[in-house]
Amino acid sequence: MRRLGLAAAVLAAIASPAIAQDITDPEVEKGQQKLEAIHVGQAGFQTGSSGNTRNLLSLGYSYGVTDYWQLKGGIAGDRLDDRRWEVTALFVESVFEIVDVKKTGFGLGWFTALAGAVNDDATNAVTFGPILKFARQGVSLTLNPFLDKTFGQNHEQGIAFAYGWQANMEIKKGVVLSLAGFGRIDDIGGHAPAFEAQEHKIGPLIGFETEVAENRTLGLELGVFFGLTDATADTALKGKLSYTY
């Protein structure tokens, strides 16, 4: 039963950018395509043993269908304890751009994601909510205040609040320093857990981006996060590789 609960939490983590430690941007460009690989390794849960240590992996492909609508699909997997890697979910995400940040300095979008379990130990999840972005002269702040609901096999009761935020500062062309925070509060409409039983983390990141050919860009983001509660891993290391064309 404990393993089922942990697997459900892992799938919810993949479905929600807040715990997968990746921020969704509201900007959409028609015809733009992107390949992404995100790996997050978490270790040192204060309330459990090393058996709680887990690795999360997400592989995705996104496409700008129109000037305001982007679709993304992919697969998610995890590695619990010393077990081999397992695929846990297939997911699809949709981003609608409502306000263009380039025109006003304020961007607004809407995010919806659906993750479907592909093994008996996982569950299904739907995640949705607004995307907000403020940007000016190389500095930006993006907010992802999302709601997350699991359903079907191994589902959890209630709706969770899964948030993420990231502040970026471009220090020179192609190099960005960031500070980000992520978290999750289960069952916000019913019996939300005490603060120490919630997931909250914060940490710095550095991103590199270079144009490898005309209209083709390679990006790398590296970061480390530190848990703020007993229910959060002490540390989480993130690596993200992307290719945009």
Protein backbone atom coordinates (compact mmCIF):
# COMPACT_ATOMS: atom_id res chain seq x y z
CA MET A 1 0.00 0.00 0.00
CA ARG A 2 2.89 2.34 0.81
CA ARG A 3 4.41 1.68 -2.62
CA LEU A 4 1.08 2.49 -4.32
CA GLY A 5 0.86 5.77 -2.45
CA LEU A 6 4.41 6.72 -3.43
CA ALA A 7 3.78 5.77 -7.06
CA ALA A 8 0.68 7.95 -7.09
CA ALA A 9 2.70 10.84 -5.72
CA VAL A 10 5.38 10.31 -8.37
CA LEU A 11 2.84 10.41 -11.21
CA ALA A 12 1.26 13.54 -9.76
CA ALA A 13 4.75 15.00 -9.66
CA ILE A 14 5.30 14.28 -13.34
CA ALA A 15 1.88 15.65 -14.33
CA SER A 16 2.47 18.85 -12.41
CA PRO A 17 5.34 21.14 -13.37
CA ALA A 18 5.45 22.31 -9.78
CA ILE A 19 6.95 19.07 -8.52
CA ALA A 20 8.64 18.11 -11.76
CA GLN A 21 10.48 21.38 -11.15
CA ASP A 22 9.87 22.91 -14.55
CA ILE A 23 8.06 26.13 -15.34
CA THR A 24 5.51 26.48 -18.15
CA ASP A 25 5.81 29.71 -20.14
CA PRO A 26 2.73 31.46 -21.63
CA GLU A 27 4.49 32.47 -24.87
CA VAL A 28 3.51 30.56 -28.01
CA GLU A 29 5.00 30.80 -31.51
CA LYS A 30 3.27 29.25 -34.52
CA GLY A 31 5.27 26.45 -36.11
CA GLN A 32 7.92 26.34 -33.38
CA GLN A 33 8.92 22.84 -32.32
CA LYS A 34 10.85 21.78 -29.24
CA LEU A 35 12.32 18.54 -27.90
CA GLU A 36 12.91 18.39 -24.14
CA ALA A 37 14.47 15.96 -21.69
CA ILE A 38 14.11 16.72 -17.96
CA HIS A 39 15.70 14.72 -15.17
CA VAL A 40 15.17 15.35 -11.45
CA GLY A 41 16.94 13.35 -8.76
CA GLN A 42 15.57 13.71 -5.22
CA ALA A 43 17.28 12.47 -2.07
CA GLY A 44 17.14 12.73 1.71
CA PHE A 45 13.53 12.65 2.83
CA GLN A 46 13.51 13.70 6.50
CA THR A 47 10.42 11.68 7.43
CA GLY A 48 11.44 8.44 5.71
CA SER A 49 14.39 6.29 4.81
CA SER A 50 16.53 6.28 1.71
CA GLY A 51 13.79 4.15 0.19
CA ASN A 52 11.95 7.39 -0.50
CA THR A 53 14.72 8.60 -2.79
CA ARG A 54 13.47 8.78 -6.37
CA ASN A 55 14.46 9.92 -9.83
CA LEU A 56 11.99 11.41 -12.29
CA LEU A 57 12.42 11.60 -16.06
CA SER A 58 10.27 13.33 -18.66
CA LEU A 59 10.71 13.32 -22.46
CA GLY A 60 8.50 15.70 -24.45
CA TYR A 61 7.81 17.23 -27.85
CA SER A 62 5.89 20.49 -28.28
CA TYR A 63 4.51 22.23 -31.37
CA GLY A 64 3.01 25.68 -31.88
CA VAL A 65 -0.23 24.89 -33.68
CA THR A 66 -1.24 28.55 -34.03
CA ASP A 67 0.00 31.94 -32.79
CA TYR A 68 -1.81 31.32 -29.50
CA TRP A 69 -2.08 27.51 -29.05
CA GLN A 70 0.69 25.04 -28.27
CA LEU A 71 0.45 21.28 -27.77
CA LYS A 72 2.96 19.04 -26.06
CA GLY A 73 3.10 15.28 -25.65
CA GLY A 74 5.51 12.87 -24.06
CA ILE A 75 6.32 10.06 -21.67
CA ALA A 76 7.26 10.13 -17.99
CA GLY A 77 9.14 7.63 -15.91
CA ASP A 78 10.63 7.08 -12.48
CA ARG A 79 13.19 5.07 -10.61
CA LEU A 80 12.31 4.15 -7.01
CA ASP A 81 15.01 2.94 -4.64
CA ASP A 82 17.49 0.76 -6.56
CA ARG A 83 14.93 -0.54 -9.03
CA ARG A 84 15.25 -0.15 -12.78
CA TRP A 85 13.65 2.72 -14.65
CA GLU A 86 9.94 2.29 -15.38
CA VAL A 87 7.60 4.26 -17.64
CA THR A 88 4.71 5.51 -15.49
CA ALA A 89 2.64 7.78 -17.73
CA LEU A 90 1.88 9.22 -21.11
CA PHE A 91 0.96 12.90 -21.01
CA VAL A 92 -0.39 15.67 -23.19
CA GLU A 93 -0.28 19.39 -22.38
CA SER A 94 -2.00 22.41 -23.89
CA VAL A 95 -1.02 26.08 -23.54
CA PHE A 96 -3.28 28.92 -24.73
CA GLU A 97 -1.64 32.35 -24.91
CA ILE A 98 -4.17 35.02 -23.95
CA VAL A 99 -1.98 38.13 -23.52
CA ASP A 100 1.37 38.52 -25.33
CA VAL A 101 4.09 39.51 -22.86
CA LYS A 102 6.15 41.12 -25.65
CA LYS A 103 3.49 43.77 -26.21
CA THR A 104 2.74 44.86 -22.64
CA GLY A 105 5.37 43.37 -20.32
CA PHE A 106 2.61 41.18 -18.86
CA GLY A 107 1.78 37.77 -20.25
CA LEU A 108 -1.21 35.55 -19.52
CA GLY A 109 -1.95 31.99 -20.59
CA TRP A 110 -3.96 28.92 -19.65
CA PHE A 111 -2.43 25.50 -19.00
CA THR A 112 -4.13 22.09 -19.12
CA ALA A 113 -2.42 18.70 -18.83
CA LEU A 114 -3.63 15.11 -18.76
CA ALA A 115 -1.45 12.19 -17.65
CA GLY A 116 -2.55 8.59 -18.10
CA ALA A 117 -1.10 5.72 -16.08
CA VAL A 118 0.62 2.93 -17.99
CA ASN A 119 1.20 0.51 -15.11
CA ASP A 120 -0.82 -0.85 -12.20
CA ASP A 121 1.07 1.09 -9.52
CA ALA A 122 0.41 4.56 -10.98
CA THR A 123 -2.65 6.78 -11.26
CA ASN A 124 -4.10 9.33 -13.68
CA ALA A 125 -4.01 13.10 -13.22
CA VAL A 126 -5.37 16.29 -14.72
CA THR A 127 -3.63 19.62 -14.04
CA PHE A 128 -4.89 23.06 -15.00
CA GLY A 129 -4.58 26.75 -14.20
CA PRO A 130 -3.39 30.18 -15.35
CA ILE A 131 0.14 31.11 -16.38
CA LEU A 132 1.32 34.64 -15.51
CA LYS A 133 4.51 36.34 -16.66
CA PHE A 134 6.03 39.75 -15.97
CA ALA A 135 9.04 40.79 -18.06
CA ARG A 136 11.15 43.91 -18.50
CA GLN A 137 14.68 44.54 -19.78
CA GLY A 138 16.11 41.06 -19.34
CA VAL A 139 14.34 40.35 -16.04
CA SER A 140 11.21 38.20 -15.78
CA LEU A 141 8.97 36.44 -13.28
CA THR A 142 6.73 33.52 -14.29
CA LEU A 143 4.02 32.06 -12.04
CA ASN A 144 2.31 28.67 -12.37
CA PRO A 145 -0.54 28.49 -9.79
CA PHE A 146 -2.11 25.15 -10.84
CA LEU A 147 -4.73 22.76 -9.49
CA ASP A 148 -4.11 19.03 -9.72
CA LYS A 149 -6.59 16.15 -9.49
CA THR A 150 -5.86 12.42 -9.63
CA PHE A 151 -8.53 9.98 -10.74
CA GLY A 152 -9.10 6.31 -11.52
CA GLN A 153 -6.83 3.66 -10.03
CA ASN A 154 -4.85 4.58 -6.92
CA HIS A 155 -6.24 8.12 -6.91
CA GLU A 156 -5.98 10.49 -3.95
CA GLN A 157 -8.91 12.34 -2.40
CA GLY A 158 -9.52 16.00 -3.12
CA ILE A 159 -7.79 18.56 -5.31
CA ALA A 160 -4.19 19.62 -4.78
CA PHE A 161 -2.64 23.04 -5.28
CA ALA A 162 0.62 22.61 -7.19
CA TYR A 163 2.52 25.83 -7.68
CA GLY A 164 5.74 26.97 -9.28
CA TRP A 165 7.48 30.30 -9.79
CA GLN A 166 10.72 31.31 -11.41
CA ALA A 167 12.55 34.66 -11.53
CA ASN A 168 15.08 35.04 -14.36
CA MET A 169 17.85 37.55 -14.98
CA GLU A 170 19.85 37.50 -18.22
CA ILE A 171 23.43 38.32 -17.25
CA LYS A 172 24.69 38.17 -20.82
CA LYS A 173 23.45 36.84 -24.14
CA GLY A 174 22.63 33.16 -23.76
CA VAL A 175 23.23 32.98 -19.99
CA VAL A 176 20.40 33.29 -17.46
CA LEU A 177 20.50 33.10 -13.67
CA SER A 178 17.28 32.07 -11.94
CA LEU A 179 15.70 31.52 -8.55
CA ALA A 180 12.71 29.19 -8.43
CA GLY A 181 10.26 27.74 -5.94
CA PHE A 182 7.90 24.78 -6.22
CA GLY A 183 5.39 23.06 -3.99
CA ARG A 184 2.26 21.03 -3.53
CA ILE A 185 -0.55 21.11 -0.96
CA ASP A 186 -2.90 18.11 -1.09
CA ASP A 187 -6.68 18.21 -0.63
CA ILE A 188 -6.98 22.01 -0.31
CA GLY A 189 -10.77 21.84 -0.27
CA GLY A 190 -10.98 19.25 2.48
CA HIS A 191 -8.30 18.29 4.98
CA ALA A 192 -5.13 20.02 3.83
CA PRO A 193 -2.07 18.72 5.69
CA ALA A 194 -0.08 20.80 8.16
CA PHE A 195 2.79 22.86 6.74
CA GLU A 196 5.48 20.30 7.62
CA ALA A 197 3.50 17.62 5.75
CA GLN A 198 3.34 19.74 2.57
CA GLU A 199 5.97 19.85 -0.19
CA HIS A 200 7.86 23.13 -0.62
CA LYS A 201 11.29 23.72 -2.13
CA ILE A 202 13.43 26.57 -3.44
CA GLY A 203 16.73 26.89 -5.24
CA PRO A 204 18.97 28.52 -7.86
CA LEU A 205 19.38 27.59 -11.52
CA ILE A 206 21.60 28.59 -14.39
CA GLY A 207 20.58 28.33 -18.02
CA PHE A 208 22.64 28.37 -21.23
CA GLU A 209 21.30 28.84 -24.73
CA THR A 210 23.16 28.89 -28.04
CA GLU A 211 22.12 29.03 -31.68
CA VAL A 212 23.57 25.97 -33.42
CA ALA A 213 22.10 26.86 -36.84
CA GLU A 214 19.63 29.33 -38.27
CA ASN A 215 16.44 29.19 -36.16
CA ARG A 216 17.82 26.20 -34.26
CA THR A 217 18.69 26.61 -30.58
CA LEU A 218 20.19 24.27 -28.01
CA GLY A 219 19.46 24.93 -24.33
CA LEU A 220 20.73 23.55 -21.03
CA GLU A 221 19.40 24.31 -17.55
CA LEU A 222 20.95 23.08 -14.30
CA GLY A 223 19.67 23.66 -10.80
CA VAL A 224 19.55 22.49 -7.20
CA PHE A 225 16.59 22.76 -4.84
CA PHE A 226 16.40 22.57 -1.07
CA GLY A 227 13.43 21.23 0.86
CA LEU A 228 11.69 23.55 3.31
CA THR A 229 9.55 20.96 5.12
CA ASP A 230 9.87 17.45 6.56
CA ALA A 231 7.78 16.03 3.71
CA THR A 232 10.13 17.43 1.06
CA ALA A 233 13.38 15.89 -0.10
CA ASP A 234 16.42 17.61 1.42
CA THR A 235 17.88 18.16 -2.04
CA ALA A 236 16.77 17.82 -5.64
CA LEU A 237 19.07 18.17 -8.63
CA LYS A 238 17.59 19.18 -11.97
CA GLY A 239 18.94 18.93 -15.49
CA LYS A 240 17.02 20.03 -18.58
CA LEU A 241 18.17 19.72 -22.18
CA SER A 242 16.13 21.29 -24.99
CA TYR A 243 16.37 21.70 -28.75
CA THR A 244 14.16 24.33 -30.38
CA TYR A 245 13.65 24.63 -34.13
